[in-house]
Structures are given as C-alpha cells and as structure tokens.
Amino acid sequence: MSHSFPIRVYYEDTDMGGIVYYANYLKFIERARSDWVRQMGIDQLEMMEDDGVIFAVRRVEADFHMPAGFDDELVVHTKTVAVTGARLIVEQQIMRDDELLFSAQVTIVCINDTGQPARLPANIRLILH
C-alpha cells in the first residue's frame, strides 16, 4: 500500500537560515502517516475504544539528503514494508519534484492503555497487507 501527501513549507517550519528545521521532517511524516491511516478507513479513536490499543512509533531510522526551504512544495510518500502480528514497518520519503530530501523507515507498534505492547488488531492487519 502506498500513499502520497502534499506539504507546503511555511515560515514556521524553517530555521534562521530559511531551511526546514530538522525535527519538522518528523512532523511532516507523522501527518502523512495519519492521513494514510485515515484514507485506509482505520479510525484510530474507534481502535482505541473498541480494541483498547493505539499506534505508537517504536523506532525511526532517518536520513537527511538535501534541505527543503521556505515555500517549497513537498510530497511525502509512504509505503508498507512489512506487517507482522505485532508491528508495522513503513518507508517514507519526502520529495521536492524528483529530488529526494529525506527518507525514513518507521516501525510502528500497538500499545494498550497501560503502555504495554499489544498485537495489531486482526482487521487492521488485513487492511495493511
């Protein structure tokens, strides 16, 4: 499964040099993942209420390739790499036209209301495959 999410760089996203502050790339990929999950029909509030679990990022491995700047139009591409009973691994890339600016591999798990690891709900695993 793949997904594309457009983002425009605003002044608030940049540092003193007018380039995107490094931590904001994590915000950009989080927004894209949230939109991706929503477009697949996964209601995270319902998942919490019905299954008692929420998604949590377990690991992010990121590379910064080139800087983005104020007013750039970017696209975050998200695709599934692996789905197991307990985790989801996605690859995300931020592009400006044909230029790769940022890439990350993100491991997502489910946790219950006490913060303990939990299995991904079966219906969610089916959607993600």
Protein backbone atom coordinates (compact mmCIF):
# COMPACT_ATOMS: atom_id res chain seq x y z
CA MET A 1 0.00 0.00 0.00
CA SER A 2 1.32 3.42 -0.89
CA HIS A 3 0.17 6.96 -0.22
CA SER A 4 1.21 10.48 -1.24
CA PHE A 5 0.64 13.54 0.92
CA PRO A 6 1.43 17.11 -0.21
CA ILE A 7 3.01 19.60 2.20
CA ARG A 8 3.98 23.23 1.75
CA VAL A 9 6.83 24.59 3.83
CA TYR A 10 5.73 27.57 5.91
CA TYR A 11 7.92 30.15 7.62
CA GLU A 12 7.27 28.48 10.99
CA ASP A 13 8.83 25.25 9.64
CA THR A 14 12.19 26.87 8.97
CA ASP A 15 15.24 27.84 10.99
CA MET A 16 17.28 31.06 10.93
CA GLY A 17 18.78 30.04 7.59
CA GLY A 18 15.39 29.65 5.93
CA ILE A 19 15.66 25.87 5.64
CA VAL A 20 13.36 23.31 7.22
CA TYR A 21 14.35 22.67 10.84
CA TYR A 22 15.36 19.00 11.09
CA ALA A 23 12.71 17.97 13.66
CA ASN A 24 9.93 19.21 11.38
CA TYR A 25 10.60 16.40 8.92
CA LEU A 26 9.33 14.04 11.64
CA LYS A 27 6.16 16.15 11.92
CA PHE A 28 5.70 16.00 8.14
CA ILE A 29 5.97 12.20 8.02
CA GLU A 30 3.64 11.88 11.03
CA ARG A 31 0.97 13.95 9.28
CA ALA A 32 1.36 11.82 6.18
CA ARG A 33 1.02 8.56 8.17
CA SER A 34 -2.08 9.87 9.95
CA ASP A 35 -3.66 10.77 6.61
CA TRP A 36 -2.64 7.40 5.13
CA VAL A 37 -4.27 5.50 8.01
CA ARG A 38 -7.42 7.63 7.74
CA GLN A 39 -7.66 7.04 3.98
CA MET A 40 -7.47 3.29 4.55
CA GLY A 41 -10.59 3.59 6.71
CA ILE A 42 -8.84 3.00 10.02
CA ASP A 43 -10.44 5.12 12.73
CA GLN A 44 -7.79 5.46 15.43
CA LEU A 45 -10.28 6.70 18.04
CA GLU A 46 -12.51 3.72 17.33
CA MET A 47 -9.47 1.41 17.51
CA MET A 48 -8.69 2.80 20.95
CA GLU A 49 -12.29 2.46 22.16
CA ASP A 50 -13.06 -0.96 20.61
CA ASP A 51 -9.70 -2.72 20.79
CA GLY A 52 -8.08 -0.80 23.65
CA VAL A 53 -4.91 -0.10 21.65
CA ILE A 54 -3.23 2.84 19.97
CA PHE A 55 -0.40 3.13 17.47
CA ALA A 56 2.98 4.17 18.82
CA VAL A 57 6.23 4.81 16.99
CA ARG A 58 8.84 2.35 18.25
CA ARG A 59 11.76 3.28 16.01
CA VAL A 60 12.70 5.79 13.33
CA GLU A 61 15.78 5.47 11.16
CA ALA A 62 16.14 8.68 9.16
CA ASP A 63 18.46 10.18 6.56
CA PHE A 64 18.62 13.83 5.56
CA HIS A 65 19.62 14.04 1.90
CA MET A 66 19.00 17.66 0.88
CA PRO A 67 17.43 20.68 2.58
CA ALA A 68 13.95 21.99 1.90
CA GLY A 69 13.27 25.69 2.13
CA PHE A 70 10.54 28.22 2.78
CA ASP A 71 7.54 27.91 0.42
CA ASP A 72 8.74 24.64 -1.14
CA GLU A 73 6.03 22.24 -2.25
CA LEU A 74 6.88 18.78 -0.99
CA VAL A 75 5.28 15.37 -1.22
CA VAL A 76 5.57 12.69 1.46
CA HIS A 77 5.39 9.18 0.01
CA THR A 78 4.51 6.36 2.41
CA LYS A 79 4.55 2.65 1.67
CA THR A 80 4.25 -0.52 3.70
CA VAL A 81 7.45 -2.53 4.05
CA ALA A 82 6.26 -5.25 6.47
CA VAL A 83 3.30 -6.17 8.65
CA THR A 84 3.52 -8.75 11.41
CA GLY A 85 1.22 -9.60 14.29
CA ALA A 86 2.88 -7.01 16.47
CA ARG A 87 4.35 -4.33 14.23
CA LEU A 88 4.09 -2.34 11.05
CA ILE A 89 7.14 -1.05 9.20
CA VAL A 90 6.74 1.75 6.67
CA GLU A 91 9.14 3.58 4.42
CA GLN A 92 8.62 7.30 3.98
CA GLN A 93 10.28 9.70 1.58
CA ILE A 94 9.95 13.44 1.28
CA MET A 95 10.41 14.67 -2.27
CA ARG A 96 10.61 18.05 -3.95
CA ASP A 97 9.76 17.29 -7.55
CA ASP A 98 12.24 14.48 -8.39
CA GLU A 99 14.68 15.30 -5.58
CA LEU A 100 14.83 13.05 -2.52
CA LEU A 101 15.19 15.31 0.52
CA PHE A 102 14.50 12.97 3.45
CA SER A 103 13.92 9.27 3.92
CA ALA A 104 12.92 7.23 6.96
CA GLN A 105 11.98 3.74 7.94
CA VAL A 106 9.44 3.82 10.76
CA THR A 107 8.48 0.91 13.00
CA ILE A 108 5.01 1.24 14.49
CA VAL A 109 3.57 -0.95 17.23
CA CYS A 110 0.37 -1.05 19.22
CA ILE A 111 0.27 -0.43 22.92
CA ASN A 112 -2.58 -0.82 25.39
CA ASP A 113 -3.81 1.73 27.91
CA THR A 114 -1.03 0.80 30.36
CA GLY A 115 1.65 1.31 27.72
CA GLN A 116 2.35 -2.40 27.29
CA PRO A 117 2.90 -3.89 23.80
CA ALA A 118 -0.18 -5.38 22.16
CA ARG A 119 -0.90 -7.21 18.93
CA LEU A 120 -2.16 -5.26 15.95
CA PRO A 121 -5.92 -5.90 15.69
CA ALA A 122 -6.65 -8.58 13.06
CA ASN A 123 -8.87 -6.27 10.99
CA ILE A 124 -6.05 -3.69 10.86
CA ARG A 125 -3.52 -6.34 9.73
CA LEU A 126 -5.88 -7.34 6.92
CA ILE A 127 -6.21 -3.74 5.74
CA LEU A 128 -2.46 -3.18 5.82
CA HIS A 129 -1.50 -6.31 3.86
